[in-house]
Amino acid sequence: MTMTTDSEARDVNGAVVRVGMRVRVLKISPSVLSELPESEAECARSMEGEVFEVYEIDEWGGAWVEKWWRTDEGTSSSHSLGLGPTQMQVVSD
């Protein structure tokens, strides 16, 4: 599902970020991590340094990305992050 809004997001260098673009997660706010159960915080921390496709720009200009994990038991889980300008960098393909 691709969602769009009229809001604009920018990365750490001021580049415009749009739905469908790829960004590297630079850092996740410690205040966000402290609100999560430890198992979820660990999953979120694993997203730092990785590249994801932006699936939504929210009304505050946050760029949303998502990571999926598959378990040995065949189940899946995911974690989404809303990223602000200092937390992401646009990646050229």
Protein backbone atom coordinates (compact mmCIF):
# COMPACT_ATOMS: atom_id res chain seq x y z
CA MET A 1 0.00 0.00 0.00
CA THR A 2 1.45 3.35 -1.04
CA MET A 3 0.26 6.42 0.80
CA THR A 4 0.95 10.02 -0.08
CA THR A 5 0.21 13.41 1.40
CA ASP A 6 0.88 17.01 0.45
CA SER A 7 3.55 17.29 3.16
CA GLU A 8 7.18 17.43 2.21
CA ALA A 9 10.06 15.62 3.88
CA ARG A 10 13.75 16.42 3.69
CA ASP A 11 16.83 14.43 4.60
CA VAL A 12 19.91 15.36 6.64
CA ASN A 13 21.38 17.20 3.62
CA GLY A 14 18.18 19.08 2.77
CA ALA A 15 17.27 16.84 -0.18
CA VAL A 16 13.54 16.36 -0.80
CA VAL A 17 12.29 12.90 0.18
CA ARG A 18 9.28 11.44 -1.64
CA VAL A 19 7.31 8.20 -1.47
CA GLY A 20 9.18 5.49 -3.39
CA MET A 21 12.64 6.96 -2.74
CA ARG A 22 15.26 4.97 -0.86
CA VAL A 23 16.78 6.34 2.34
CA ARG A 24 19.45 5.14 4.76
CA VAL A 25 18.44 5.18 8.42
CA LEU A 26 21.18 7.20 10.13
CA LYS A 27 19.99 7.03 13.73
CA ILE A 28 16.92 6.35 15.80
CA SER A 29 16.03 8.70 18.61
CA PRO A 30 16.84 7.26 22.06
CA SER A 31 13.48 8.63 23.27
CA VAL A 32 11.69 6.46 20.69
CA LEU A 33 13.70 3.37 21.64
CA SER A 34 13.05 3.91 25.36
CA GLU A 35 9.28 3.76 24.74
CA LEU A 36 9.48 0.30 23.16
CA PRO A 37 9.65 -3.12 24.81
CA GLU A 38 13.25 -4.38 24.62
CA SER A 39 12.52 -6.94 21.87
CA GLU A 40 10.97 -4.22 19.66
CA ALA A 41 13.75 -1.76 20.46
CA GLU A 42 16.29 -4.37 19.37
CA CYS A 43 14.47 -4.80 16.04
CA ALA A 44 14.28 -1.03 15.56
CA ARG A 45 18.01 -0.62 16.35
CA SER A 46 18.79 -3.22 13.66
CA MET A 47 17.38 -0.78 11.08
CA GLU A 48 20.16 1.77 11.69
CA GLY A 49 22.53 1.90 8.72
CA GLU A 50 20.15 -0.01 6.44
CA VAL A 51 18.39 1.31 3.34
CA PHE A 52 14.59 1.23 2.93
CA GLU A 53 11.98 2.51 0.52
CA VAL A 54 9.77 5.31 1.85
CA TYR A 55 6.12 4.20 1.79
CA GLU A 56 4.49 7.31 3.29
CA ILE A 57 5.16 10.96 4.07
CA ASP A 58 3.00 11.95 7.03
CA GLU A 59 1.36 15.31 7.70
CA TRP A 60 4.37 16.46 9.77
CA GLY A 61 6.92 15.62 7.06
CA GLY A 62 8.03 12.31 8.58
CA ALA A 63 9.16 9.69 6.07
CA TRP A 64 7.94 6.20 6.98
CA VAL A 65 9.92 3.02 6.30
CA GLU A 66 9.30 -0.60 7.28
CA LYS A 67 11.38 -3.73 7.85
CA TRP A 68 10.09 -7.31 7.83
CA TRP A 69 11.54 -10.34 9.60
CA ARG A 70 10.72 -14.02 9.03
CA THR A 71 11.14 -16.47 11.87
CA ASP A 72 12.30 -20.07 11.69
CA GLU A 73 8.73 -21.06 12.51
CA GLY A 74 7.50 -19.45 9.28
CA THR A 75 5.85 -16.40 10.81
CA SER A 76 6.60 -12.78 9.92
CA SER A 77 6.74 -9.56 11.87
CA SER A 78 7.53 -5.97 10.95
CA HIS A 79 8.52 -2.66 12.44
CA SER A 80 7.84 0.78 10.97
CA LEU A 81 9.71 3.99 11.71
CA GLY A 82 8.81 7.60 11.02
CA LEU A 83 12.05 9.41 10.22
CA GLY A 84 12.84 13.10 10.57
CA PRO A 85 15.51 15.00 8.61
CA THR A 86 18.45 14.18 10.93
CA GLN A 87 17.57 10.49 10.91
CA MET A 88 17.81 9.72 7.18
CA GLN A 89 19.80 10.29 4.02
CA VAL A 90 18.55 9.83 0.45
CA VAL A 91 20.40 7.01 -1.34
CA SER A 92 20.96 7.15 -5.09
CA ASP A 93 20.56 3.87 -6.95
